Amino acid sequence: MLFIATCVDKPRSLETRLGSRPAHLAFLQGLGVKVKAAGAMLAADLQTPVGSMLIVEGDSLAEIEAILADDPYAQAGLFERVTVTPWRQAVGQPIA
């Protein structure tokens, strides 16, 4: 099943994000085909990252929450809020 994770950064946390980014990207790469899409959510200036959005495949909500808890961004305390929602694609290029 696919899940959408929306992770909102704490205010004034850009340094934390940038410092943890290489480890975060390596972590996501290590998940292989489980990660269908991932990237930064941007502020109104269309440049400043304010969070992350991921589409991840897994067997349960608990599995995805455990994966996200191991993410270097989460370990660094970057996120103010993380929401995980089961998702079923209806249109567009197939993700799964």
PDB file of N, CA and C in Angstrom:
ATOM      1  N   MET A   1       0.840  -1.164   0.000  1.00  0.00           N
ATOM      2  CA  MET A   1       0.000   0.000   0.000  1.00  0.00           C
ATOM      3  C   MET A   1       0.891   1.235   0.000  1.00  0.00           C
ATOM      4  N   LEU A   2       0.402   2.301  -0.617  1.00  0.00           N
ATOM      5  CA  LEU A   2       1.138   3.562  -0.640  1.00  0.00           C
ATOM      6  C   LEU A   2       0.680   4.471   0.497  1.00  0.00           C
ATOM      7  N   PHE A   3       1.611   5.258   1.001  1.00  0.00           N
ATOM      8  CA  PHE A   3       1.349   6.220   2.061  1.00  0.00           C
ATOM      9  C   PHE A   3       1.984   7.548   1.670  1.00  0.00           C
ATOM     10  N   ILE A   4       1.299   8.637   2.005  1.00  0.00           N
ATOM     11  CA  ILE A   4       1.867   9.967   1.830  1.00  0.00           C
ATOM     12  C   ILE A   4       2.282  10.467   3.206  1.00  0.00           C
ATOM     13  N   ALA A   5       3.535  10.865   3.329  1.00  0.00           N
ATOM     14  CA  ALA A   5       4.039  11.460   4.559  1.00  0.00           C
ATOM     15  C   ALA A   5       4.278  12.940   4.300  1.00  0.00           C
ATOM     16  N   THR A   6       3.679  13.777   5.134  1.00  0.00           N
ATOM     17  CA  THR A   6       3.883  15.215   5.066  1.00  0.00           C
ATOM     18  C   THR A   6       4.585  15.617   6.355  1.00  0.00           C
ATOM     19  N   CYS A   7       5.777  16.177   6.208  1.00  0.00           N
ATOM     20  CA  CYS A   7       6.613  16.509   7.357  1.00  0.00           C
ATOM     21  C   CYS A   7       6.881  18.016   7.327  1.00  0.00           C
ATOM     22  N   VAL A   8       6.373  18.730   8.318  1.00  0.00           N
ATOM     23  CA  VAL A   8       6.500  20.181   8.378  1.00  0.00           C
ATOM     24  C   VAL A   8       7.665  20.545   9.303  1.00  0.00           C
ATOM     25  N   ASP A   9       8.584  21.352   8.781  1.00  0.00           N
ATOM     26  CA  ASP A   9       9.751  21.761   9.561  1.00  0.00           C
ATOM     27  C   ASP A   9       9.364  22.698  10.699  1.00  0.00           C
ATOM     28  N   LYS A  10      10.149  22.651  11.766  1.00  0.00           N
ATOM     29  CA  LYS A  10      10.017  23.637  12.835  1.00  0.00           C
ATOM     30  C   LYS A  10      10.433  25.003  12.287  1.00  0.00           C
ATOM     31  N   PRO A  11       9.898  26.080  12.827  1.00  0.00           N
ATOM     32  CA  PRO A  11      10.310  27.413  12.377  1.00  0.00           C
ATOM     33  C   PRO A  11      11.820  27.612  12.583  1.00  0.00           C
ATOM     34  N   ARG A  12      12.404  28.362  11.681  1.00  0.00           N
ATOM     35  CA  ARG A  12      13.826  28.730  11.754  1.00  0.00           C
ATOM     36  C   ARG A  12      14.743  27.509  11.898  1.00  0.00           C
ATOM     37  N   SER A  13      14.498  26.503  11.086  1.00  0.00           N
ATOM     38  CA  SER A  13      15.266  25.256  11.183  1.00  0.00           C
ATOM     39  C   SER A  13      16.053  24.942   9.909  1.00  0.00           C
ATOM     40  N   LEU A  14      16.265  25.948   9.078  1.00  0.00           N
ATOM     41  CA  LEU A  14      16.956  25.703   7.803  1.00  0.00           C
ATOM     42  C   LEU A  14      18.356  25.134   8.014  1.00  0.00           C
ATOM     43  N   GLU A  15      19.082  25.618   9.021  1.00  0.00           N
ATOM     44  CA  GLU A  15      20.428  25.088   9.276  1.00  0.00           C
ATOM     45  C   GLU A  15      20.381  23.607   9.626  1.00  0.00           C
ATOM     46  N   THR A  16      19.404  23.218  10.422  1.00  0.00           N
ATOM     47  CA  THR A  16      19.248  21.802  10.783  1.00  0.00           C
ATOM     48  C   THR A  16      18.978  20.981   9.527  1.00  0.00           C
ATOM     49  N   ARG A  17      18.097  21.475   8.670  1.00  0.00           N
ATOM     50  CA  ARG A  17      17.781  20.775   7.417  1.00  0.00           C
ATOM     51  C   ARG A  17      19.027  20.617   6.562  1.00  0.00           C
ATOM     52  N   LEU A  18      19.735  21.705   6.345  1.00  0.00           N
ATOM     53  CA  LEU A  18      20.901  21.659   5.462  1.00  0.00           C
ATOM     54  C   LEU A  18      22.004  20.770   6.031  1.00  0.00           C
ATOM     55  N   GLY A  19      22.196  20.808   7.339  1.00  0.00           N
ATOM     56  CA  GLY A  19      23.227  19.983   7.954  1.00  0.00           C
ATOM     57  C   GLY A  19      22.931  18.495   7.913  1.00  0.00           C
ATOM     58  N   SER A  20      21.647  18.154   7.922  1.00  0.00           N
ATOM     59  CA  SER A  20      21.233  16.748   7.928  1.00  0.00           C
ATOM     60  C   SER A  20      20.938  16.205   6.535  1.00  0.00           C
ATOM     61  N   ARG A  21      20.923  17.082   5.544  1.00  0.00           N
ATOM     62  CA  ARG A  21      20.478  16.691   4.204  1.00  0.00           C
ATOM     63  C   ARG A  21      21.265  15.537   3.590  1.00  0.00           C
ATOM     64  N   PRO A  22      22.608  15.548   3.618  1.00  0.00           N
ATOM     65  CA  PRO A  22      23.327  14.412   3.006  1.00  0.00           C
ATOM     66  C   PRO A  22      22.948  13.064   3.631  1.00  0.00           C
ATOM     67  N   ALA A  23      22.838  13.014   4.946  1.00  0.00           N
ATOM     68  CA  ALA A  23      22.468  11.757   5.612  1.00  0.00           C
ATOM     69  C   ALA A  23      21.022  11.392   5.283  1.00  0.00           C
ATOM     70  N   HIS A  24      20.150  12.387   5.213  1.00  0.00           N
ATOM     71  CA  HIS A  24      18.747  12.157   4.861  1.00  0.00           C
ATOM     72  C   HIS A  24      18.631  11.541   3.467  1.00  0.00           C
ATOM     73  N   LEU A  25      19.316  12.132   2.498  1.00  0.00           N
ATOM     74  CA  LEU A  25      19.255  11.621   1.125  1.00  0.00           C
ATOM     75  C   LEU A  25      19.827  10.209   1.030  1.00  0.00           C
ATOM     76  N   ALA A  26      20.924   9.953   1.733  1.00  0.00           N
ATOM     77  CA  ALA A  26      21.505   8.603   1.731  1.00  0.00           C
ATOM     78  C   ALA A  26      20.526   7.603   2.357  1.00  0.00           C
ATOM     79  N   PHE A  27      19.860   8.013   3.427  1.00  0.00           N
ATOM     80  CA  PHE A  27      18.864   7.152   4.077  1.00  0.00           C
ATOM     81  C   PHE A  27      17.748   6.793   3.109  1.00  0.00           C
ATOM     82  N   LEU A  28      17.204   7.802   2.417  1.00  0.00           N
ATOM     83  CA  LEU A  28      16.119   7.541   1.464  1.00  0.00           C
ATOM     84  C   LEU A  28      16.591   6.649   0.320  1.00  0.00           C
ATOM     85  N   GLN A  29      17.791   6.897  -0.183  1.00  0.00           N
ATOM     86  CA  GLN A  29      18.332   6.043  -1.247  1.00  0.00           C
ATOM     87  C   GLN A  29      18.446   4.601  -0.779  1.00  0.00           C
ATOM     88  N   GLY A  30      18.795   4.419   0.488  1.00  0.00           N
ATOM     89  CA  GLY A  30      18.933   3.081   1.056  1.00  0.00           C
ATOM     90  C   GLY A  30      17.624   2.323   1.159  1.00  0.00           C
ATOM     91  N   LEU A  31      16.508   3.036   1.103  1.00  0.00           N
ATOM     92  CA  LEU A  31      15.203   2.374   1.162  1.00  0.00           C
ATOM     93  C   LEU A  31      14.805   1.765  -0.177  1.00  0.00           C
ATOM     94  N   GLY A  32      15.556   2.071  -1.227  1.00  0.00           N
ATOM     95  CA  GLY A  32      15.315   1.477  -2.541  1.00  0.00           C
ATOM     96  C   GLY A  32      13.947   1.798  -3.093  1.00  0.00           C
ATOM     97  N   VAL A  33      13.261   0.763  -3.600  1.00  0.00           N
ATOM     98  CA  VAL A  33      11.996   0.948  -4.306  1.00  0.00           C
ATOM     99  C   VAL A  33      10.822   1.289  -3.389  1.00  0.00           C
ATOM    100  N   LYS A  34      11.026   1.253  -2.076  1.00  0.00           N
ATOM    101  CA  LYS A  34       9.951   1.653  -1.157  1.00  0.00           C
ATOM    102  C   LYS A  34       9.581   3.127  -1.356  1.00  0.00           C
ATOM    103  N   VAL A  35      10.582   3.945  -1.686  1.00  0.00           N
ATOM    104  CA  VAL A  35      10.344   5.380  -1.873  1.00  0.00           C
ATOM    105  C   VAL A  35       9.948   5.598  -3.331  1.00  0.00           C
ATOM    106  N   LYS A  36       8.710   6.030  -3.528  1.00  0.00           N
ATOM    107  CA  LYS A  36       8.196   6.251  -4.883  1.00  0.00           C
ATOM    108  C   LYS A  36       8.456   7.681  -5.346  1.00  0.00           C
ATOM    109  N   ALA A  37       8.411   8.632  -4.428  1.00  0.00           N
ATOM    110  CA  ALA A  37       8.696  10.037  -4.727  1.00  0.00           C
ATOM    111  C   ALA A  37       8.960  10.727  -3.402  1.00  0.00           C
ATOM    112  N   ALA A  38       9.841  11.715  -3.430  1.00  0.00           N
ATOM    113  CA  ALA A  38      10.128  12.477  -2.220  1.00  0.00           C
ATOM    114  C   ALA A  38      10.749  13.807  -2.617  1.00  0.00           C
ATOM    115  N   GLY A  39      10.495  14.814  -1.806  1.00  0.00           N
ATOM    116  CA  GLY A  39      11.095  16.107  -2.070  1.00  0.00           C
ATOM    117  C   GLY A  39      10.667  17.133  -1.042  1.00  0.00           C
ATOM    118  N   ALA A  40      11.261  18.307  -1.170  1.00  0.00           N
ATOM    119  CA  ALA A  40      10.989  19.389  -0.235  1.00  0.00           C
ATOM    120  C   ALA A  40       9.715  20.133  -0.611  1.00  0.00           C
ATOM    121  N   MET A  41       8.950  20.503   0.413  1.00  0.00           N
ATOM    122  CA  MET A  41       7.853  21.451   0.231  1.00  0.00           C
ATOM    123  C   MET A  41       8.480  22.838   0.377  1.00  0.00           C
ATOM    124  N   LEU A  42       8.009  23.789  -0.418  1.00  0.00           N
ATOM    125  CA  LEU A  42       8.656  25.094  -0.480  1.00  0.00           C
ATOM    126  C   LEU A  42       7.756  26.211   0.031  1.00  0.00           C
ATOM    127  N   ALA A  43       8.389  27.263   0.543  1.00  0.00           N
ATOM    128  CA  ALA A  43       7.685  28.462   0.983  1.00  0.00           C
ATOM    129  C   ALA A  43       7.175  29.228  -0.235  1.00  0.00           C
ATOM    130  N   ALA A  44       6.462  30.301   0.022  1.00  0.00           N
ATOM    131  CA  ALA A  44       5.878  31.115  -1.049  1.00  0.00           C
ATOM    132  C   ALA A  44       6.923  31.696  -1.989  1.00  0.00           C
ATOM    133  N   ASP A  45       8.181  31.792  -1.529  1.00  0.00           N
ATOM    134  CA  ASP A  45       9.235  32.308  -2.410  1.00  0.00           C
ATOM    135  C   ASP A  45       9.689  31.269  -3.437  1.00  0.00           C
ATOM    136  N   LEU A  46       9.128  30.064  -3.365  1.00  0.00           N
ATOM    137  CA  LEU A  46       9.413  28.953  -4.280  1.00  0.00           C
ATOM    138  C   LEU A  46      10.853  28.456  -4.194  1.00  0.00           C
ATOM    139  N   GLN A  47      11.542  28.791  -3.109  1.00  0.00           N
ATOM    140  CA  GLN A  47      12.927  28.352  -2.941  1.00  0.00           C
ATOM    141  C   GLN A  47      13.219  27.777  -1.558  1.00  0.00           C
ATOM    142  N   THR A  48      12.686  28.386  -0.529  1.00  0.00           N
ATOM    143  CA  THR A  48      13.020  28.003   0.839  1.00  0.00           C
ATOM    144  C   THR A  48      12.250  26.753   1.254  1.00  0.00           C
ATOM    145  N   PRO A  49      12.972  25.673   1.630  1.00  0.00           N
ATOM    146  CA  PRO A  49      12.283  24.471   2.078  1.00  0.00           C
ATOM    147  C   PRO A  49      11.608  24.698   3.426  1.00  0.00           C
ATOM    148  N   VAL A  50      10.377  24.204   3.554  1.00  0.00           N
ATOM    149  CA  VAL A  50       9.612  24.326   4.797  1.00  0.00           C
ATOM    150  C   VAL A  50       9.118  22.966   5.289  1.00  0.00           C
ATOM    151  N   GLY A  51       9.481  21.917   4.584  1.00  0.00           N
ATOM    152  CA  GLY A  51       9.055  20.575   4.964  1.00  0.00           C
ATOM    153  C   GLY A  51       9.391  19.580   3.878  1.00  0.00           C
ATOM    154  N   SER A  52       8.898  18.375   4.062  1.00  0.00           N
ATOM    155  CA  SER A  52       9.148  17.291   3.112  1.00  0.00           C
ATOM    156  C   SER A  52       7.843  16.556   2.825  1.00  0.00           C
ATOM    157  N   MET A  53       7.742  16.010   1.625  1.00  0.00           N
ATOM    158  CA  MET A  53       6.610  15.170   1.246  1.00  0.00           C
ATOM    159  C   MET A  53       7.190  13.912   0.616  1.00  0.00           C
ATOM    160  N   LEU A  54       6.692  12.765   1.067  1.00  0.00           N
ATOM    161  CA  LEU A  54       7.167  11.494   0.542  1.00  0.00           C
ATOM    162  C   LEU A  54       5.984  10.611   0.198  1.00  0.00           C
ATOM    163  N   ILE A  55       6.126   9.846  -0.857  1.00  0.00           N
ATOM    164  CA  ILE A  55       5.202   8.760  -1.154  1.00  0.00           C
ATOM    165  C   ILE A  55       6.014   7.482  -0.974  1.00  0.00           C
ATOM    166  N   VAL A  56       5.581   6.671  -0.015  1.00  0.00           N
ATOM    167  CA  VAL A  56       6.352   5.498   0.387  1.00  0.00           C
ATOM    168  C   VAL A  56       5.437   4.276   0.365  1.00  0.00           C
ATOM    169  N   GLU A  57       5.985   3.156  -0.078  1.00  0.00           N
ATOM    170  CA  GLU A  57       5.230   1.909  -0.098  1.00  0.00           C
ATOM    171  C   GLU A  57       5.573   1.067   1.122  1.00  0.00           C
ATOM    172  N   GLY A  58       4.543   0.505   1.742  1.00  0.00           N
ATOM    173  CA  GLY A  58       4.759  -0.351   2.899  1.00  0.00           C
ATOM    174  C   GLY A  58       3.529  -1.183   3.187  1.00  0.00           C
ATOM    175  N   ASP A  59       3.654  -2.057   4.173  1.00  0.00           N
ATOM    176  CA  ASP A  59       2.561  -2.958   4.522  1.00  0.00           C
ATOM    177  C   ASP A  59       1.606  -2.374   5.555  1.00  0.00           C
ATOM    178  N   SER A  60       2.079  -1.368   6.312  1.00  0.00           N
ATOM    179  CA  SER A  60       1.225  -0.833   7.383  1.00  0.00           C
ATOM    180  C   SER A  60       1.648   0.584   7.745  1.00  0.00           C
ATOM    181  N   LEU A  61       0.749   1.272   8.389  1.00  0.00           N
ATOM    182  CA  LEU A  61       1.036   2.598   8.907  1.00  0.00           C
ATOM    183  C   LEU A  61       2.190   2.533   9.897  1.00  0.00           C
ATOM    184  N   ALA A  62       2.203   1.521  10.740  1.00  0.00           N
ATOM    185  CA  ALA A  62       3.263   1.355  11.734  1.00  0.00           C
ATOM    186  C   ALA A  62       4.632   1.216  11.071  1.00  0.00           C
ATOM    187  N   GLU A  63       4.695   0.492   9.961  1.00  0.00           N
ATOM    188  CA  GLU A  63       5.965   0.332   9.246  1.00  0.00           C
ATOM    189  C   GLU A  63       6.460   1.680   8.731  1.00  0.00           C
ATOM    190  N   ILE A  64       5.581   2.459   8.142  1.00  0.00           N
ATOM    191  CA  ILE A  64       5.978   3.757   7.593  1.00  0.00           C
ATOM    192  C   ILE A  64       6.394   4.703   8.710  1.00  0.00           C
ATOM    193  N   GLU A  65       5.652   4.705   9.808  1.00  0.00           N
ATOM    194  CA  GLU A  65       6.017   5.552  10.941  1.00  0.00           C
ATOM    195  C   GLU A  65       7.395   5.173  11.485  1.00  0.00           C
ATOM    196  N   ALA A  66       7.712   3.897  11.528  1.00  0.00           N
ATOM    197  CA  ALA A  66       9.027   3.450  11.995  1.00  0.00           C
ATOM    198  C   ALA A  66      10.126   3.903  11.040  1.00  0.00           C
ATOM    199  N   ILE A  67       9.875   3.799   9.745  1.00  0.00           N
ATOM    200  CA  ILE A  67      10.847   4.275   8.753  1.00  0.00           C
ATOM    201  C   ILE A  67      11.098   5.759   8.945  1.00  0.00           C
ATOM    202  N   LEU A  68      10.028   6.534   9.070  1.00  0.00           N
ATOM    203  CA  LEU A  68      10.173   7.984   9.213  1.00  0.00           C
ATOM    204  C   LEU A  68      10.899   8.355  10.500  1.00  0.00           C
ATOM    205  N   ALA A  69      10.693   7.597  11.555  1.00  0.00           N
ATOM    206  CA  ALA A  69      11.376   7.870  12.820  1.00  0.00           C
ATOM    207  C   ALA A  69      12.877   7.666  12.713  1.00  0.00           C
ATOM    208  N   ASP A  70      13.316   6.802  11.792  1.00  0.00           N
ATOM    209  CA  ASP A  70      14.740   6.545  11.586  1.00  0.00           C
ATOM    210  C   ASP A  70      15.402   7.537  10.631  1.00  0.00           C
ATOM    211  N   ASP A  71      14.617   8.354   9.965  1.00  0.00           N
ATOM    212  CA  ASP A  71      15.140   9.343   9.018  1.00  0.00           C
ATOM    213  C   ASP A  71      16.045  10.328   9.764  1.00  0.00           C
ATOM    214  N   PRO A  72      17.225  10.619   9.237  1.00  0.00           N
ATOM    215  CA  PRO A  72      18.111  11.587   9.879  1.00  0.00           C
ATOM    216  C   PRO A  72      17.462  12.952  10.136  1.00  0.00           C
ATOM    217  N   TYR A  73      16.542  13.384   9.293  1.00  0.00           N
ATOM    218  CA  TYR A  73      15.831  14.633   9.571  1.00  0.00           C
ATOM    219  C   TYR A  73      15.059  14.518  10.888  1.00  0.00           C
ATOM    220  N   ALA A  74      14.343  13.420  11.067  1.00  0.00           N
ATOM    221  CA  ALA A  74      13.590  13.220  12.305  1.00  0.00           C
ATOM    222  C   ALA A  74      14.542  13.095  13.497  1.00  0.00           C
ATOM    223  N   GLN A  75      15.621  12.360  13.309  1.00  0.00           N
ATOM    224  CA  GLN A  75      16.608  12.185  14.373  1.00  0.00           C
ATOM    225  C   GLN A  75      17.229  13.518  14.802  1.00  0.00           C
ATOM    226  N   ALA A  76      17.342  14.462  13.870  1.00  0.00           N
ATOM    227  CA  ALA A  76      17.900  15.782  14.160  1.00  0.00           C
ATOM    228  C   ALA A  76      16.874  16.726  14.773  1.00  0.00           C
ATOM    229  N   GLY A  77      15.619  16.292  14.894  1.00  0.00           N
ATOM    230  CA  GLY A  77      14.582  17.129  15.469  1.00  0.00           C
ATOM    231  C   GLY A  77      14.071  18.207  14.531  1.00  0.00           C
ATOM    232  N   LEU A  78      14.167  17.992  13.232  1.00  0.00           N
ATOM    233  CA  LEU A  78      13.777  18.991  12.238  1.00  0.00           C
ATOM    234  C   LEU A  78      12.275  19.250  12.210  1.00  0.00           C
ATOM    235  N   PHE A  79      11.483  18.220  12.387  1.00  0.00           N
ATOM    236  CA  PHE A  79      10.058  18.350  12.098  1.00  0.00           C
ATOM    237  C   PHE A  79       9.223  18.823  13.289  1.00  0.00           C
ATOM    238  N   GLU A  80       8.322  19.739  12.999  1.00  0.00           N
ATOM    239  CA  GLU A  80       7.326  20.182  13.957  1.00  0.00           C
ATOM    240  C   GLU A  80       6.149  19.210  13.988  1.00  0.00           C
ATOM    241  N   ARG A  81       5.831  18.672  12.808  1.00  0.00           N
ATOM    242  CA  ARG A  81       4.663  17.797  12.672  1.00  0.00           C
ATOM    243  C   ARG A  81       4.889  16.826  11.514  1.00  0.00           C
ATOM    244  N   VAL A  82       4.506  15.580  11.725  1.00  0.00           N
ATOM    245  CA  VAL A  82       4.562  14.555  10.677  1.00  0.00           C
ATOM    246  C   VAL A  82       3.185  13.905  10.592  1.00  0.00           C
ATOM    247  N   THR A  83       2.645  13.855   9.380  1.00  0.00           N
ATOM    248  CA  THR A  83       1.356  13.217   9.143  1.00  0.00           C
ATOM    249  C   THR A  83       1.550  12.125   8.105  1.00  0.00           C
ATOM    250  N   VAL A  84       1.032  10.942   8.374  1.00  0.00           N
ATOM    251  CA  VAL A  84       1.110   9.827   7.425  1.00  0.00           C
ATOM    252  C   VAL A  84      -0.314   9.388   7.105  1.00  0.00           C
ATOM    253  N   THR A  85      -0.613   9.317   5.798  1.00  0.00           N
ATOM    254  CA  THR A  85      -1.956   8.985   5.343  1.00  0.00           C
ATOM    255  C   THR A  85      -1.895   7.890   4.286  1.00  0.00           C
ATOM    256  N   PRO A  86      -2.672   6.812   4.430  1.00  0.00           N
ATOM    257  CA  PRO A  86      -2.755   5.820   3.351  1.00  0.00           C
ATOM    258  C   PRO A  86      -3.296   6.504   2.098  1.00  0.00           C
ATOM    259  N   TRP A  87      -2.803   6.063   0.942  1.00  0.00           N
ATOM    260  CA  TRP A  87      -3.162   6.731  -0.312  1.00  0.00           C
ATOM    261  C   TRP A  87      -3.349   5.707  -1.416  1.00  0.00           C
ATOM    262  N   ARG A  88      -4.378   5.944  -2.227  1.00  0.00           N
ATOM    263  CA  ARG A  88      -4.612   5.101  -3.395  1.00  0.00           C
ATOM    264  C   ARG A  88      -4.638   6.013  -4.613  1.00  0.00           C
ATOM    265  N   GLN A  89      -3.772   5.742  -5.566  1.00  0.00           N
ATOM    266  CA  GLN A  89      -3.684   6.548  -6.774  1.00  0.00           C
ATOM    267  C   GLN A  89      -4.881   6.266  -7.686  1.00  0.00           C
ATOM    268  N   ALA A  90      -5.418   7.346  -8.258  1.00  0.00           N
ATOM    269  CA  ALA A  90      -6.560   7.194  -9.156  1.00  0.00           C
ATOM    270  C   ALA A  90      -6.214   7.582 -10.599  1.00  0.00           C
ATOM    271  N   VAL A  91      -5.411   8.605 -10.770  1.00  0.00           N
ATOM    272  CA  VAL A  91      -5.061   9.052 -12.130  1.00  0.00           C
ATOM    273  C   VAL A  91      -3.581   9.406 -12.190  1.00  0.00           C
ATOM    274  N   GLY A  92      -3.105   9.609 -13.415  1.00  0.00           N
ATOM    275  CA  GLY A  92      -1.700   9.974 -13.613  1.00  0.00           C
ATOM    276  C   GLY A  92      -0.840   8.761 -13.891  1.00  0.00           C
ATOM    277  N   GLN A  93       0.436   9.032 -14.101  1.00  0.00           N
ATOM    278  CA  GLN A  93       1.404   7.954 -14.305  1.00  0.00           C
ATOM    279  C   GLN A  93       1.438   7.047 -13.086  1.00  0.00           C
ATOM    280  N   PRO A  94       1.354   5.746 -13.270  1.00  0.00           N
ATOM    281  CA  PRO A  94       1.367   4.830 -12.116  1.00  0.00           C
ATOM    282  C   PRO A  94       2.633   4.990 -11.279  1.00  0.00           C
ATOM    283  N   ILE A  95       2.423   5.070  -9.967  1.00  0.00           N
ATOM    284  CA  ILE A  95       3.551   5.216  -9.037  1.00  0.00           C
ATOM    285  C   ILE A  95       3.958   3.856  -8.483  1.00  0.00           C
ATOM    286  N   ALA A  96       3.006   3.025  -8.157  1.00  0.00           N
ATOM    287  CA  ALA A  96       3.310   1.749  -7.535  1.00  0.00           C
ATOM    288  C   ALA A  96       3.841   0.752  -8.542  1.00  0.00           C
TER     289      ALA A  96
END
